Amino acid sequence: MTAVSEVVSFKVRREVKEKMQRYKDIVNWSEELRKFVEAKLRELEAKENFVKVMEKLHSASWSVPKGFSVSVVREDRDSS
C-alpha cells in the first residue's frame, strides 16, 4: 500500500533561502526537512507515551502487607 503524500510549506528569511539555493546540488532539502519532522514527531510521541505511563504508575495503588516493613527490618538486623 502506497502512502499518500501531502504538501507542507513554511517561510524562511530570504538569506536562508539564498543559502539553501547555493547548496541545492549538495543537499536534498526536502528529504532533510522530512527526516527532521519525522524525528521530531517520534520524539514528541515518545514523551507523550512516557507521561501516560508515568501517570498510570503514579495513580496505581501500591501497597505491601501489614507488618511487612517491620519483618524485613528485623530480618536485616538479625542477619548482621
N, C-alpha and C. Protein backbone atom coordinates (compact mmCIF):
# COMPACT_ATOMS: atom_id res chain seq x y z
N MET A 1 0.84 -1.18 0.00
CA MET A 1 0.00 0.00 0.00
C MET A 1 0.89 1.25 0.00
N THR A 2 0.65 2.15 -0.90
CA THR A 2 1.44 3.36 -1.03
C THR A 2 0.89 4.45 -0.14
N ALA A 3 1.79 5.12 0.59
CA ALA A 3 1.37 6.23 1.46
C ALA A 3 1.05 7.44 0.61
N VAL A 4 -0.01 8.13 0.99
CA VAL A 4 -0.40 9.33 0.29
C VAL A 4 0.42 10.50 0.84
N SER A 5 0.99 11.29 -0.03
CA SER A 5 1.80 12.43 0.40
C SER A 5 1.00 13.71 0.38
N GLU A 6 1.36 14.59 1.25
CA GLU A 6 0.75 15.92 1.32
C GLU A 6 1.87 16.96 1.22
N VAL A 7 1.52 18.13 0.74
CA VAL A 7 2.48 19.22 0.63
C VAL A 7 2.39 20.09 1.87
N VAL A 8 3.55 20.39 2.46
CA VAL A 8 3.64 21.30 3.60
C VAL A 8 4.63 22.38 3.20
N SER A 9 4.30 23.61 3.47
CA SER A 9 5.23 24.69 3.15
C SER A 9 5.46 25.54 4.39
N PHE A 10 6.57 26.26 4.40
CA PHE A 10 6.87 27.15 5.51
C PHE A 10 7.73 28.28 4.99
N LYS A 11 7.80 29.34 5.76
CA LYS A 11 8.57 30.50 5.35
C LYS A 11 9.90 30.54 6.07
N VAL A 12 10.90 31.02 5.34
CA VAL A 12 12.22 31.27 5.92
C VAL A 12 12.66 32.66 5.48
N ARG A 13 13.62 33.19 6.21
CA ARG A 13 14.15 34.51 5.81
C ARG A 13 14.79 34.38 4.42
N ARG A 14 14.84 35.46 3.73
CA ARG A 14 15.40 35.48 2.37
C ARG A 14 16.84 34.98 2.36
N GLU A 15 17.63 35.38 3.38
CA GLU A 15 19.03 34.96 3.44
C GLU A 15 19.13 33.43 3.54
N VAL A 16 18.23 32.84 4.30
CA VAL A 16 18.24 31.38 4.46
C VAL A 16 17.93 30.72 3.13
N LYS A 17 16.92 31.23 2.44
CA LYS A 17 16.57 30.65 1.14
C LYS A 17 17.72 30.77 0.15
N GLU A 18 18.40 31.90 0.16
CA GLU A 18 19.54 32.09 -0.75
C GLU A 18 20.65 31.08 -0.44
N LYS A 19 20.90 30.84 0.86
CA LYS A 19 21.92 29.87 1.23
C LYS A 19 21.49 28.46 0.84
N MET A 20 20.21 28.16 1.01
CA MET A 20 19.71 26.85 0.60
C MET A 20 19.89 26.66 -0.91
N GLN A 21 19.62 27.69 -1.67
CA GLN A 21 19.79 27.63 -3.12
C GLN A 21 21.25 27.35 -3.48
N ARG A 22 22.15 27.96 -2.73
CA ARG A 22 23.58 27.80 -3.00
C ARG A 22 24.00 26.34 -2.84
N TYR A 23 23.37 25.62 -1.90
CA TYR A 23 23.76 24.24 -1.62
C TYR A 23 22.76 23.20 -2.14
N LYS A 24 21.87 23.61 -3.04
CA LYS A 24 20.82 22.68 -3.50
C LYS A 24 21.37 21.47 -4.25
N ASP A 25 22.57 21.58 -4.82
CA ASP A 25 23.16 20.44 -5.53
C ASP A 25 23.81 19.45 -4.55
N ILE A 26 24.03 19.89 -3.34
CA ILE A 26 24.68 19.06 -2.33
C ILE A 26 23.66 18.47 -1.35
N VAL A 27 22.64 19.25 -1.04
CA VAL A 27 21.66 18.86 -0.02
C VAL A 27 20.28 18.73 -0.64
N ASN A 28 19.62 17.62 -0.37
CA ASN A 28 18.22 17.45 -0.77
C ASN A 28 17.38 18.02 0.38
N TRP A 29 17.03 19.29 0.28
CA TRP A 29 16.36 19.98 1.38
C TRP A 29 15.02 19.34 1.74
N SER A 30 14.29 18.90 0.76
CA SER A 30 13.01 18.25 1.04
C SER A 30 13.21 17.02 1.91
N GLU A 31 14.17 16.21 1.55
CA GLU A 31 14.45 14.98 2.31
C GLU A 31 14.93 15.31 3.72
N GLU A 32 15.82 16.29 3.84
CA GLU A 32 16.34 16.69 5.15
C GLU A 32 15.22 17.19 6.06
N LEU A 33 14.34 18.01 5.51
CA LEU A 33 13.23 18.54 6.30
C LEU A 33 12.24 17.44 6.67
N ARG A 34 11.99 16.53 5.75
CA ARG A 34 11.10 15.40 6.01
C ARG A 34 11.66 14.55 7.16
N LYS A 35 12.95 14.25 7.11
CA LYS A 35 13.59 13.46 8.17
C LYS A 35 13.50 14.18 9.51
N PHE A 36 13.74 15.50 9.49
CA PHE A 36 13.69 16.26 10.74
C PHE A 36 12.29 16.22 11.35
N VAL A 37 11.28 16.45 10.53
CA VAL A 37 9.90 16.46 11.02
C VAL A 37 9.52 15.08 11.57
N GLU A 38 9.88 14.03 10.87
CA GLU A 38 9.55 12.69 11.33
C GLU A 38 10.25 12.37 12.64
N ALA A 39 11.52 12.77 12.78
CA ALA A 39 12.26 12.53 14.02
C ALA A 39 11.64 13.32 15.17
N LYS A 40 11.26 14.55 14.91
CA LYS A 40 10.65 15.39 15.95
C LYS A 40 9.32 14.78 16.39
N LEU A 41 8.54 14.29 15.47
CA LEU A 41 7.27 13.65 15.81
C LEU A 41 7.48 12.40 16.65
N ARG A 42 8.49 11.59 16.30
CA ARG A 42 8.79 10.40 17.11
C ARG A 42 9.18 10.80 18.53
N GLU A 43 9.97 11.85 18.65
CA GLU A 43 10.38 12.35 19.96
C GLU A 43 9.18 12.81 20.78
N LEU A 44 8.30 13.57 20.17
CA LEU A 44 7.11 14.08 20.87
C LEU A 44 6.19 12.94 21.28
N GLU A 45 6.00 11.96 20.40
CA GLU A 45 5.15 10.82 20.73
C GLU A 45 5.75 9.99 21.86
N ALA A 46 7.07 9.84 21.86
CA ALA A 46 7.73 9.09 22.93
C ALA A 46 7.55 9.80 24.27
N LYS A 47 7.70 11.12 24.27
CA LYS A 47 7.50 11.89 25.51
C LYS A 47 6.06 11.76 25.98
N GLU A 48 5.13 11.85 25.05
CA GLU A 48 3.71 11.73 25.38
C GLU A 48 3.41 10.35 25.99
N ASN A 49 3.94 9.30 25.38
CA ASN A 49 3.74 7.95 25.89
C ASN A 49 4.38 7.78 27.26
N PHE A 50 5.56 8.36 27.46
CA PHE A 50 6.23 8.28 28.75
C PHE A 50 5.38 8.93 29.84
N VAL A 51 4.83 10.10 29.53
CA VAL A 51 3.98 10.80 30.51
C VAL A 51 2.76 9.94 30.85
N LYS A 52 2.15 9.32 29.86
CA LYS A 52 0.99 8.47 30.11
C LYS A 52 1.34 7.31 31.03
N VAL A 53 2.48 6.66 30.77
CA VAL A 53 2.91 5.54 31.61
C VAL A 53 3.19 6.02 33.02
N MET A 54 3.86 7.15 33.16
CA MET A 54 4.16 7.67 34.49
C MET A 54 2.88 8.03 35.24
N GLU A 55 1.89 8.58 34.55
CA GLU A 55 0.62 8.89 35.19
C GLU A 55 -0.07 7.62 35.67
N LYS A 56 -0.02 6.56 34.87
CA LYS A 56 -0.62 5.28 35.28
C LYS A 56 0.09 4.72 36.51
N LEU A 57 1.43 4.79 36.49
CA LEU A 57 2.19 4.28 37.63
C LEU A 57 1.90 5.10 38.89
N HIS A 58 1.79 6.41 38.70
CA HIS A 58 1.53 7.29 39.85
C HIS A 58 0.15 7.02 40.46
N SER A 59 -0.82 6.72 39.62
CA SER A 59 -2.17 6.51 40.12
C SER A 59 -2.41 5.07 40.59
N ALA A 60 -1.45 4.19 40.32
CA ALA A 60 -1.61 2.79 40.75
C ALA A 60 -1.56 2.73 42.27
N SER A 61 -2.32 1.79 42.82
CA SER A 61 -2.31 1.67 44.27
C SER A 61 -1.25 0.64 44.64
N TRP A 62 -0.21 1.13 45.24
CA TRP A 62 0.90 0.30 45.67
C TRP A 62 0.75 0.05 47.16
N SER A 63 0.78 -1.20 47.54
CA SER A 63 0.71 -1.49 48.97
C SER A 63 1.46 -2.78 49.26
N VAL A 64 1.86 -2.90 50.51
CA VAL A 64 2.51 -4.12 50.98
C VAL A 64 1.69 -4.63 52.15
N PRO A 65 1.78 -5.89 52.42
CA PRO A 65 1.00 -6.45 53.53
C PRO A 65 1.39 -5.80 54.85
N LYS A 66 0.39 -5.68 55.74
CA LYS A 66 0.62 -5.10 57.06
C LYS A 66 1.71 -5.89 57.78
N GLY A 67 2.66 -5.19 58.37
CA GLY A 67 3.74 -5.81 59.10
C GLY A 67 4.94 -6.19 58.26
N PHE A 68 4.86 -6.01 56.95
CA PHE A 68 5.96 -6.39 56.06
C PHE A 68 7.23 -5.60 56.36
N SER A 69 7.10 -4.29 56.50
CA SER A 69 8.29 -3.44 56.75
C SER A 69 8.98 -3.84 58.04
N VAL A 70 8.19 -4.07 59.09
CA VAL A 70 8.76 -4.44 60.39
C VAL A 70 9.52 -5.76 60.26
N SER A 71 8.92 -6.73 59.57
CA SER A 71 9.57 -8.04 59.46
C SER A 71 10.84 -7.96 58.63
N VAL A 72 10.87 -7.14 57.60
CA VAL A 72 12.06 -7.00 56.76
C VAL A 72 13.18 -6.32 57.54
N VAL A 73 12.84 -5.30 58.31
CA VAL A 73 13.86 -4.61 59.11
C VAL A 73 14.43 -5.56 60.15
N ARG A 74 13.56 -6.31 60.83
CA ARG A 74 14.04 -7.28 61.84
C ARG A 74 14.95 -8.34 61.20
N GLU A 75 14.53 -8.82 60.05
CA GLU A 75 15.32 -9.83 59.34
C GLU A 75 16.70 -9.28 59.00
N ASP A 76 16.74 -8.04 58.54
CA ASP A 76 18.00 -7.40 58.18
C ASP A 76 18.89 -7.24 59.41
N ARG A 77 18.31 -6.81 60.54
CA ARG A 77 19.08 -6.63 61.77
C ARG A 77 19.62 -7.96 62.28
N ASP A 78 18.80 -9.01 62.18
CA ASP A 78 19.22 -10.30 62.67
C ASP A 78 20.32 -10.93 61.85
N SER A 79 20.39 -10.56 60.57
CA SER A 79 21.40 -11.16 59.69
C SER A 79 22.77 -10.48 59.86
N SER A 80 22.82 -9.39 60.58
CA SER A 80 24.09 -8.66 60.75
C SER A 80 24.96 -9.29 61.81
